Amino acid sequence: MVIPRFYCPCPLAAHQLLELPEQVAHHALRVLRLGAGAEIVLFDGQGGEYPAGLQIEGKKGYAQLGALRLIDRELPGPITLAQGIPSGDKMDWIVEKAVELGAQRLIPIAAQRSVSQLSGERLEKRLRRWAGIAQAASEQCGRNRIMSIAAPLSLQTCLEQIDTSTQILFCDPDATQTLAQALRPDNQGLMLLVGPEGGWSEEEQALAARHTLGAVQFGKRIFRTETAGLALIAASSALKGWM
């Protein structure tokens, strides 16, 4: 039987009696219809998880926490997906699957060919939605940490902020180097840069060249933007022996 897992955005401690946050209580009691005594698991995003027993008092839910279980389901090295913002709700899918595949961070790139240009209230709403999807995906897949999602950046700003120890691979179907040839055999950071529909502009490709990024291609077929980054995360993890 699968034990329901819930992310609690508050510090957790072993053996405490915790009143569940309203959103968590609603999900447990109203959506899943769990009863008193049900087994659940809580995590706060700091690593590890707590087995707990559900208690109900009126419309409120409580959890009697057990001992911390230091279970780590993260990849041995951090992967960042810098994803050109796609049209419609494709980013919802990308966020969910990037969490399942183990990405540590996602940076939406406001690329020159991005159809969706987000700002103001629309951007704030979209960021909240992506954060909720990342949380739910962590609950489902067993991760005890939440993938971080940055506010959208231009490609230039993104490259200016990268740690020099991170290997950056610029995904280009016209590149001559394959992913397997480009990957370093270490556990340091890896960033995968994936363009939106229509790919990177000539100006963005020139920018990548000035930063001496490793341009890579992934096979003979052209992937959709919502497929490319996820396939590259999976393949990179496998080639590095991180799965």
C-alpha atoms as a PDB file:
ATOM      1  CA  MET A   1       0.000   0.000   0.000  1.00  0.00           C
ATOM      2  CA  VAL A   2       1.281   3.453  -0.936  1.00  0.00           C
ATOM      3  CA  ILE A   3       1.476   5.731   2.111  1.00  0.00           C
ATOM      4  CA  PRO A   4       0.433   9.331   1.302  1.00  0.00           C
ATOM      5  CA  ARG A   5       3.253  11.871   1.498  1.00  0.00           C
ATOM      6  CA  PHE A   6       2.783  15.575   2.258  1.00  0.00           C
ATOM      7  CA  TYR A   7       5.108  18.542   2.054  1.00  0.00           C
ATOM      8  CA  CYS A   8       4.822  20.809   5.120  1.00  0.00           C
ATOM      9  CA  PRO A   9       6.392  24.259   4.655  1.00  0.00           C
ATOM     10  CA  CYS A  10       7.294  24.514   8.328  1.00  0.00           C
ATOM     11  CA  PRO A  11      10.123  23.063  10.477  1.00  0.00           C
ATOM     12  CA  LEU A  12       9.417  19.495  11.574  1.00  0.00           C
ATOM     13  CA  ALA A  13      10.821  17.695  14.608  1.00  0.00           C
ATOM     14  CA  ALA A  14      10.765  14.092  15.728  1.00  0.00           C
ATOM     15  CA  HIS A  15       7.949  13.004  18.046  1.00  0.00           C
ATOM     16  CA  GLN A  16       6.057  16.310  17.914  1.00  0.00           C
ATOM     17  CA  LEU A  17       2.293  16.620  17.614  1.00  0.00           C
ATOM     18  CA  LEU A  18       1.794  18.911  14.656  1.00  0.00           C
ATOM     19  CA  GLU A  19      -1.388  20.673  13.563  1.00  0.00           C
ATOM     20  CA  LEU A  20      -1.400  20.196   9.814  1.00  0.00           C
ATOM     21  CA  PRO A  21      -1.350  23.344   7.677  1.00  0.00           C
ATOM     22  CA  GLU A  22      -4.770  24.103   6.218  1.00  0.00           C
ATOM     23  CA  GLN A  23      -3.867  23.043   2.684  1.00  0.00           C
ATOM     24  CA  VAL A  24      -2.330  19.760   3.847  1.00  0.00           C
ATOM     25  CA  ALA A  25      -5.286  19.010   6.127  1.00  0.00           C
ATOM     26  CA  HIS A  26      -7.730  19.694   3.301  1.00  0.00           C
ATOM     27  CA  HIS A  27      -5.874  17.341   0.978  1.00  0.00           C
ATOM     28  CA  ALA A  28      -5.631  14.585   3.580  1.00  0.00           C
ATOM     29  CA  LEU A  29      -9.144  14.823   5.039  1.00  0.00           C
ATOM     30  CA  ARG A  30     -11.297  16.126   2.190  1.00  0.00           C
ATOM     31  CA  VAL A  31      -9.544  14.995  -0.990  1.00  0.00           C
ATOM     32  CA  LEU A  32      -8.009  11.661   0.064  1.00  0.00           C
ATOM     33  CA  ARG A  33     -10.599  11.122   2.817  1.00  0.00           C
ATOM     34  CA  LEU A  34      -8.071   9.627   5.191  1.00  0.00           C
ATOM     35  CA  GLY A  35      -9.375   8.547   8.563  1.00  0.00           C
ATOM     36  CA  ALA A  36      -7.985   8.842  12.075  1.00  0.00           C
ATOM     37  CA  GLY A  37      -5.003   6.551  12.567  1.00  0.00           C
ATOM     38  CA  ALA A  38      -4.011   6.568   8.896  1.00  0.00           C
ATOM     39  CA  GLU A  39      -0.293   6.330   8.201  1.00  0.00           C
ATOM     40  CA  ILE A  40       1.202   9.340   6.428  1.00  0.00           C
ATOM     41  CA  VAL A  41       4.673  10.735   5.729  1.00  0.00           C
ATOM     42  CA  LEU A  42       5.661  14.384   6.143  1.00  0.00           C
ATOM     43  CA  PHE A  43       8.727  16.220   4.857  1.00  0.00           C
ATOM     44  CA  ASP A  44       9.772  19.857   5.072  1.00  0.00           C
ATOM     45  CA  GLY A  45      12.148  20.084   2.122  1.00  0.00           C
ATOM     46  CA  GLN A  46      15.286  20.106   4.277  1.00  0.00           C
ATOM     47  CA  GLY A  47      16.081  16.440   3.680  1.00  0.00           C
ATOM     48  CA  GLY A  48      14.704  13.310   5.293  1.00  0.00           C
ATOM     49  CA  GLU A  49      11.109  12.452   6.142  1.00  0.00           C
ATOM     50  CA  TYR A  50       8.944  11.650   9.145  1.00  0.00           C
ATOM     51  CA  PRO A  51       6.467   8.773   9.409  1.00  0.00           C
ATOM     52  CA  ALA A  52       3.353   9.971  11.223  1.00  0.00           C
ATOM     53  CA  GLY A  53      -0.069   8.926  12.391  1.00  0.00           C
ATOM     54  CA  LEU A  54      -3.064  11.067  11.449  1.00  0.00           C
ATOM     55  CA  GLN A  55      -5.313  12.419  14.176  1.00  0.00           C
ATOM     56  CA  ILE A  56      -8.573  14.272  13.583  1.00  0.00           C
ATOM     57  CA  GLU A  57     -10.317  16.784  15.812  1.00  0.00           C
ATOM     58  CA  GLY A  58     -13.349  18.385  14.207  1.00  0.00           C
ATOM     59  CA  LYS A  59     -12.240  19.880  10.900  1.00  0.00           C
ATOM     60  CA  LYS A  60      -8.598  19.983  11.957  1.00  0.00           C
ATOM     61  CA  GLY A  61      -5.950  17.398  11.242  1.00  0.00           C
ATOM     62  CA  TYR A  62      -2.940  16.583  13.396  1.00  0.00           C
ATOM     63  CA  ALA A  63       0.092  14.404  12.842  1.00  0.00           C
ATOM     64  CA  GLN A  64       1.965  12.545  15.547  1.00  0.00           C
ATOM     65  CA  LEU A  65       5.450  12.395  14.103  1.00  0.00           C
ATOM     66  CA  GLY A  66       7.875   9.551  14.583  1.00  0.00           C
ATOM     67  CA  ALA A  67      11.650   9.597  14.263  1.00  0.00           C
ATOM     68  CA  LEU A  68      13.380  11.303  11.353  1.00  0.00           C
ATOM     69  CA  ARG A  69      14.283   8.939   8.511  1.00  0.00           C
ATOM     70  CA  LEU A  70      17.372  10.199   6.707  1.00  0.00           C
ATOM     71  CA  ILE A  71      16.288   9.024   3.279  1.00  0.00           C
ATOM     72  CA  ASP A  72      17.938  10.800   0.354  1.00  0.00           C
ATOM     73  CA  ARG A  73      16.526  10.296  -3.141  1.00  0.00           C
ATOM     74  CA  GLU A  74      18.507  13.078  -4.840  1.00  0.00           C
ATOM     75  CA  LEU A  75      20.931  12.586  -7.714  1.00  0.00           C
ATOM     76  CA  PRO A  76      24.631  12.442  -6.767  1.00  0.00           C
ATOM     77  CA  GLY A  77      25.201  15.689  -8.671  1.00  0.00           C
ATOM     78  CA  PRO A  78      22.943  18.711  -9.257  1.00  0.00           C
ATOM     79  CA  ILE A  79      21.255  19.149 -12.627  1.00  0.00           C
ATOM     80  CA  THR A  80      19.756  22.485 -13.646  1.00  0.00           C
ATOM     81  CA  LEU A  81      17.386  22.692 -16.600  1.00  0.00           C
ATOM     82  CA  ALA A  82      17.405  26.147 -18.204  1.00  0.00           C
ATOM     83  CA  GLN A  83      14.291  25.892 -20.335  1.00  0.00           C
ATOM     84  CA  GLY A  84      13.210  28.357 -22.999  1.00  0.00           C
ATOM     85  CA  ILE A  85       9.650  29.256 -22.015  1.00  0.00           C
ATOM     86  CA  PRO A  86       7.269  27.321 -24.270  1.00  0.00           C
ATOM     87  CA  SER A  87       3.741  28.224 -25.281  1.00  0.00           C
ATOM     88  CA  GLY A  88       0.578  27.255 -23.423  1.00  0.00           C
ATOM     89  CA  ASP A  89       0.807  24.920 -20.456  1.00  0.00           C
ATOM     90  CA  LYS A  90       3.797  22.900 -21.699  1.00  0.00           C
ATOM     91  CA  MET A  91       5.930  24.191 -18.827  1.00  0.00           C
ATOM     92  CA  ASP A  92       3.553  22.476 -16.384  1.00  0.00           C
ATOM     93  CA  TRP A  93       4.542  19.126 -17.888  1.00  0.00           C
ATOM     94  CA  ILE A  94       8.240  20.064 -17.939  1.00  0.00           C
ATOM     95  CA  VAL A  95       8.195  21.071 -14.259  1.00  0.00           C
ATOM     96  CA  GLU A  96       6.469  17.876 -13.148  1.00  0.00           C
ATOM     97  CA  LYS A  97       8.714  15.535 -15.099  1.00  0.00           C
ATOM     98  CA  ALA A  98      11.918  17.415 -14.259  1.00  0.00           C
ATOM     99  CA  VAL A  99      11.122  16.825 -10.583  1.00  0.00           C
ATOM    100  CA  GLU A 100      10.523  13.124 -11.184  1.00  0.00           C
ATOM    101  CA  LEU A 101      13.823  12.844 -13.071  1.00  0.00           C
ATOM    102  CA  GLY A 102      15.744  14.477 -10.234  1.00  0.00           C
ATOM    103  CA  ALA A 103      16.548  17.995 -11.470  1.00  0.00           C
ATOM    104  CA  GLN A 104      17.574  20.270  -8.626  1.00  0.00           C
ATOM    105  CA  ARG A 105      16.664  23.560 -10.281  1.00  0.00           C
ATOM    106  CA  LEU A 106      14.680  24.885 -13.219  1.00  0.00           C
ATOM    107  CA  ILE A 107      15.336  28.295 -14.754  1.00  0.00           C
ATOM    108  CA  PRO A 108      12.706  29.538 -17.223  1.00  0.00           C
ATOM    109  CA  ILE A 109      14.499  31.389 -20.022  1.00  0.00           C
ATOM    110  CA  ALA A 110      12.670  34.288 -21.677  1.00  0.00           C
ATOM    111  CA  ALA A 111      14.203  33.451 -25.036  1.00  0.00           C
ATOM    112  CA  GLN A 112      13.875  35.668 -28.079  1.00  0.00           C
ATOM    113  CA  ARG A 113      11.651  33.105 -29.779  1.00  0.00           C
ATOM    114  CA  SER A 114       9.531  32.322 -26.693  1.00  0.00           C
ATOM    115  CA  VAL A 115       5.891  32.759 -27.639  1.00  0.00           C
ATOM    116  CA  SER A 116       4.873  33.374 -24.015  1.00  0.00           C
ATOM    117  CA  GLN A 117       6.379  36.554 -22.565  1.00  0.00           C
ATOM    118  CA  LEU A 118       5.393  36.626 -18.895  1.00  0.00           C
ATOM    119  CA  SER A 119       5.343  39.639 -16.618  1.00  0.00           C
ATOM    120  CA  GLY A 120       3.460  41.242 -13.745  1.00  0.00           C
ATOM    121  CA  GLU A 121       0.493  39.437 -12.202  1.00  0.00           C
ATOM    122  CA  ARG A 122       0.463  36.826 -14.954  1.00  0.00           C
ATOM    123  CA  LEU A 123       4.057  35.899 -14.149  1.00  0.00           C
ATOM    124  CA  GLU A 124       3.375  35.707 -10.397  1.00  0.00           C
ATOM    125  CA  LYS A 125       0.388  33.443 -11.011  1.00  0.00           C
ATOM    126  CA  ARG A 126       2.418  31.180 -13.274  1.00  0.00           C
ATOM    127  CA  LEU A 127       5.289  30.942 -10.765  1.00  0.00           C
ATOM    128  CA  ARG A 128       2.852  29.953  -7.996  1.00  0.00           C
ATOM    129  CA  ARG A 129       1.369  27.304 -10.256  1.00  0.00           C
ATOM    130  CA  TRP A 130       4.782  25.859 -11.131  1.00  0.00           C
ATOM    131  CA  ALA A 131       5.771  25.809  -7.467  1.00  0.00           C
ATOM    132  CA  GLY A 132       2.599  23.874  -6.626  1.00  0.00           C
ATOM    133  CA  ILE A 133       3.283  21.379  -9.401  1.00  0.00           C
ATOM    134  CA  ALA A 134       6.867  20.875  -8.173  1.00  0.00           C
ATOM    135  CA  GLN A 135       5.608  20.279  -4.627  1.00  0.00           C
ATOM    136  CA  ALA A 136       2.979  17.744  -5.729  1.00  0.00           C
ATOM    137  CA  ALA A 137       5.516  15.952  -7.924  1.00  0.00           C
ATOM    138  CA  SER A 138       7.944  15.617  -4.994  1.00  0.00           C
ATOM    139  CA  GLU A 139       5.161  14.217  -2.821  1.00  0.00           C
ATOM    140  CA  GLN A 140       4.322  11.661  -5.502  1.00  0.00           C
ATOM    141  CA  CYS A 141       7.806  10.543  -6.532  1.00  0.00           C
ATOM    142  CA  GLY A 142       9.354  10.268  -3.068  1.00  0.00           C
ATOM    143  CA  ARG A 143      11.780  13.175  -3.112  1.00  0.00           C
ATOM    144  CA  ASN A 144      12.290  14.922   0.225  1.00  0.00           C
ATOM    145  CA  ARG A 145      13.450  18.169  -1.322  1.00  0.00           C
ATOM    146  CA  ILE A 146      11.606  20.571  -3.607  1.00  0.00           C
ATOM    147  CA  MET A 147      13.075  21.536  -6.984  1.00  0.00           C
ATOM    148  CA  SER A 148      13.654  25.283  -6.996  1.00  0.00           C
ATOM    149  CA  ILE A 149      12.152  27.363  -9.800  1.00  0.00           C
ATOM    150  CA  ALA A 150      13.700  30.726 -10.577  1.00  0.00           C
ATOM    151  CA  ALA A 151      11.967  33.774 -11.994  1.00  0.00           C
ATOM    152  CA  PRO A 152      12.431  33.966 -15.782  1.00  0.00           C
ATOM    153  CA  LEU A 153      15.801  35.261 -16.990  1.00  0.00           C
ATOM    154  CA  SER A 154      17.226  36.199 -20.345  1.00  0.00           C
ATOM    155  CA  LEU A 155      19.864  33.821 -21.669  1.00  0.00           C
ATOM    156  CA  GLN A 156      22.560  36.448 -21.119  1.00  0.00           C
ATOM    157  CA  THR A 157      21.584  37.063 -17.490  1.00  0.00           C
ATOM    158  CA  CYS A 158      21.391  33.323 -16.850  1.00  0.00           C
ATOM    159  CA  LEU A 159      24.914  32.763 -18.182  1.00  0.00           C
ATOM    160  CA  GLU A 160      26.305  35.655 -16.132  1.00  0.00           C
ATOM    161  CA  GLN A 161      25.083  34.010 -12.915  1.00  0.00           C
ATOM    162  CA  ILE A 162      26.417  30.490 -13.425  1.00  0.00           C
ATOM    163  CA  ASP A 163      28.981  29.000 -11.063  1.00  0.00           C
ATOM    164  CA  THR A 164      32.198  28.345 -12.959  1.00  0.00           C
ATOM    165  CA  SER A 165      32.294  24.767 -11.634  1.00  0.00           C
ATOM    166  CA  THR A 166      29.049  23.962 -13.481  1.00  0.00           C
ATOM    167  CA  GLN A 167      29.310  22.295 -16.862  1.00  0.00           C
ATOM    168  CA  ILE A 168      26.971  24.065 -19.267  1.00  0.00           C
ATOM    169  CA  LEU A 169      25.682  22.244 -22.338  1.00  0.00           C
ATOM    170  CA  PHE A 170      23.931  24.274 -25.024  1.00  0.00           C
ATOM    171  CA  CYS A 171      21.449  22.015 -26.796  1.00  0.00           C
ATOM    172  CA  ASP A 172      21.541  22.515 -30.560  1.00  0.00           C
ATOM    173  CA  PRO A 173      20.318  19.922 -33.093  1.00  0.00           C
ATOM    174  CA  ASP A 174      22.964  21.182 -35.557  1.00  0.00           C
ATOM    175  CA  ALA A 175      25.871  20.609 -33.145  1.00  0.00           C
ATOM    176  CA  THR A 176      28.495  18.028 -34.081  1.00  0.00           C
ATOM    177  CA  GLN A 177      29.299  16.876 -30.545  1.00  0.00           C
ATOM    178  CA  THR A 178      27.078  14.271 -28.908  1.00  0.00           C
ATOM    179  CA  LEU A 179      25.919  14.339 -25.308  1.00  0.00           C
ATOM    180  CA  ALA A 180      28.046  11.299 -24.457  1.00  0.00           C
ATOM    181  CA  GLN A 181      31.149  12.985 -25.881  1.00  0.00           C
ATOM    182  CA  ALA A 182      30.523  16.241 -24.022  1.00  0.00           C
ATOM    183  CA  LEU A 183      29.702  15.067 -20.498  1.00  0.00           C
ATOM    184  CA  ARG A 184      32.419  15.308 -17.869  1.00  0.00           C
ATOM    185  CA  PRO A 185      32.851  12.185 -15.694  1.00  0.00           C
ATOM    186  CA  ASP A 186      32.339  13.931 -12.356  1.00  0.00           C
ATOM    187  CA  ASN A 187      29.604  14.778  -9.884  1.00  0.00           C
ATOM    188  CA  GLN A 188      29.844  18.539 -10.220  1.00  0.00           C
ATOM    189  CA  GLY A 189      26.946  20.639 -11.450  1.00  0.00           C
ATOM    190  CA  LEU A 190      25.418  20.267 -14.889  1.00  0.00           C
ATOM    191  CA  MET A 191      23.221  22.800 -16.664  1.00  0.00           C
ATOM    192  CA  LEU A 192      21.239  21.932 -19.780  1.00  0.00           C
ATOM    193  CA  LEU A 193      20.133  24.865 -21.934  1.00  0.00           C
ATOM    194  CA  VAL A 194      17.092  24.057 -24.083  1.00  0.00           C
ATOM    195  CA  GLY A 195      15.484  26.508 -26.480  1.00  0.00           C
ATOM    196  CA  PRO A 196      11.748  27.190 -26.937  1.00  0.00           C
ATOM    197  CA  GLU A 197       9.682  26.316 -29.998  1.00  0.00           C
ATOM    198  CA  GLY A 198      11.651  27.537 -32.971  1.00  0.00           C
ATOM    199  CA  GLY A 199      14.938  27.036 -31.151  1.00  0.00           C
ATOM    200  CA  TRP A 200      17.566  29.588 -30.208  1.00  0.00           C
ATOM    201  CA  SER A 201      17.948  32.769 -32.237  1.00  0.00           C
ATOM    202  CA  GLU A 202      21.177  33.511 -34.114  1.00  0.00           C
ATOM    203  CA  GLU A 203      21.984  36.157 -31.509  1.00  0.00           C
ATOM    204  CA  GLU A 204      21.549  33.622 -28.676  1.00  0.00           C
ATOM    205  CA  GLN A 205      23.681  31.076 -30.504  1.00  0.00           C
ATOM    206  CA  ALA A 206      26.404  33.695 -30.898  1.00  0.00           C
ATOM    207  CA  LEU A 207      26.128  34.510 -27.191  1.00  0.00           C
ATOM    208  CA  ALA A 208      26.583  30.836 -26.325  1.00  0.00           C
ATOM    209  CA  ALA A 209      29.636  30.675 -28.576  1.00  0.00           C
ATOM    210  CA  ARG A 210      31.184  33.718 -26.833  1.00  0.00           C
ATOM    211  CA  HIS A 211      30.737  31.924 -23.506  1.00  0.00           C
ATOM    212  CA  THR A 212      32.461  28.867 -25.073  1.00  0.00           C
ATOM    213  CA  LEU A 213      29.581  26.610 -24.105  1.00  0.00           C
ATOM    214  CA  GLY A 214      29.636  22.985 -25.192  1.00  0.00           C
ATOM    215  CA  ALA A 215      27.050  22.699 -27.973  1.00  0.00           C
ATOM    216  CA  VAL A 216      25.550  19.201 -28.100  1.00  0.00           C
ATOM    217  CA  GLN A 217      23.020  17.317 -30.175  1.00  0.00           C
ATOM    218  CA  PHE A 218      20.983  14.346 -29.072  1.00  0.00           C
ATOM    219  CA  GLY A 219      20.507  11.892 -31.903  1.00  0.00           C
ATOM    220  CA  LYS A 220      19.228  12.318 -35.442  1.00  0.00           C
ATOM    221  CA  ARG A 221      15.671  13.333 -34.580  1.00  0.00           C
ATOM    222  CA  ILE A 222      14.407  16.787 -33.639  1.00  0.00           C
ATOM    223  CA  PHE A 223      12.591  16.812 -30.282  1.00  0.00           C
ATOM    224  CA  ARG A 224       9.853  19.174 -29.238  1.00  0.00           C
ATOM    225  CA  THR A 225      10.949  21.642 -26.601  1.00  0.00           C
ATOM    226  CA  GLU A 226       8.889  19.893 -23.911  1.00  0.00           C
ATOM    227  CA  THR A 227      10.642  16.598 -24.733  1.00  0.00           C
ATOM    228  CA  ALA A 228      14.244  17.681 -25.283  1.00  0.00           C
ATOM    229  CA  GLY A 229      15.195  18.820 -21.784  1.00  0.00           C
ATOM    230  CA  LEU A 230      13.595  15.851 -20.088  1.00  0.00           C
ATOM    231  CA  ALA A 231      15.277  13.382 -22.440  1.00  0.00           C
ATOM    232  CA  LEU A 232      18.615  15.068 -21.819  1.00  0.00           C
ATOM    233  CA  ILE A 233      18.197  14.928 -18.028  1.00  0.00           C
ATOM    234  CA  ALA A 234      17.442  11.213 -18.198  1.00  0.00           C
ATOM    235  CA  ALA A 235      20.281  10.476 -20.620  1.00  0.00           C
ATOM    236  CA  SER A 236      22.804  12.575 -18.671  1.00  0.00           C
ATOM    237  CA  SER A 237      21.899  10.820 -15.431  1.00  0.00           C
ATOM    238  CA  ALA A 238      22.269   7.433 -17.058  1.00  0.00           C
ATOM    239  CA  LEU A 239      25.580   8.255 -18.753  1.00  0.00           C
ATOM    240  CA  LYS A 240      26.982   9.553 -15.464  1.00  0.00           C
ATOM    241  CA  GLY A 241      25.724   6.514 -13.578  1.00  0.00           C
ATOM    242  CA  TRP A 242      23.457   8.671 -11.412  1.00  0.00           C
ATOM    243  CA  MET A 243      20.213   6.730 -11.863  1.00  0.00           C
END
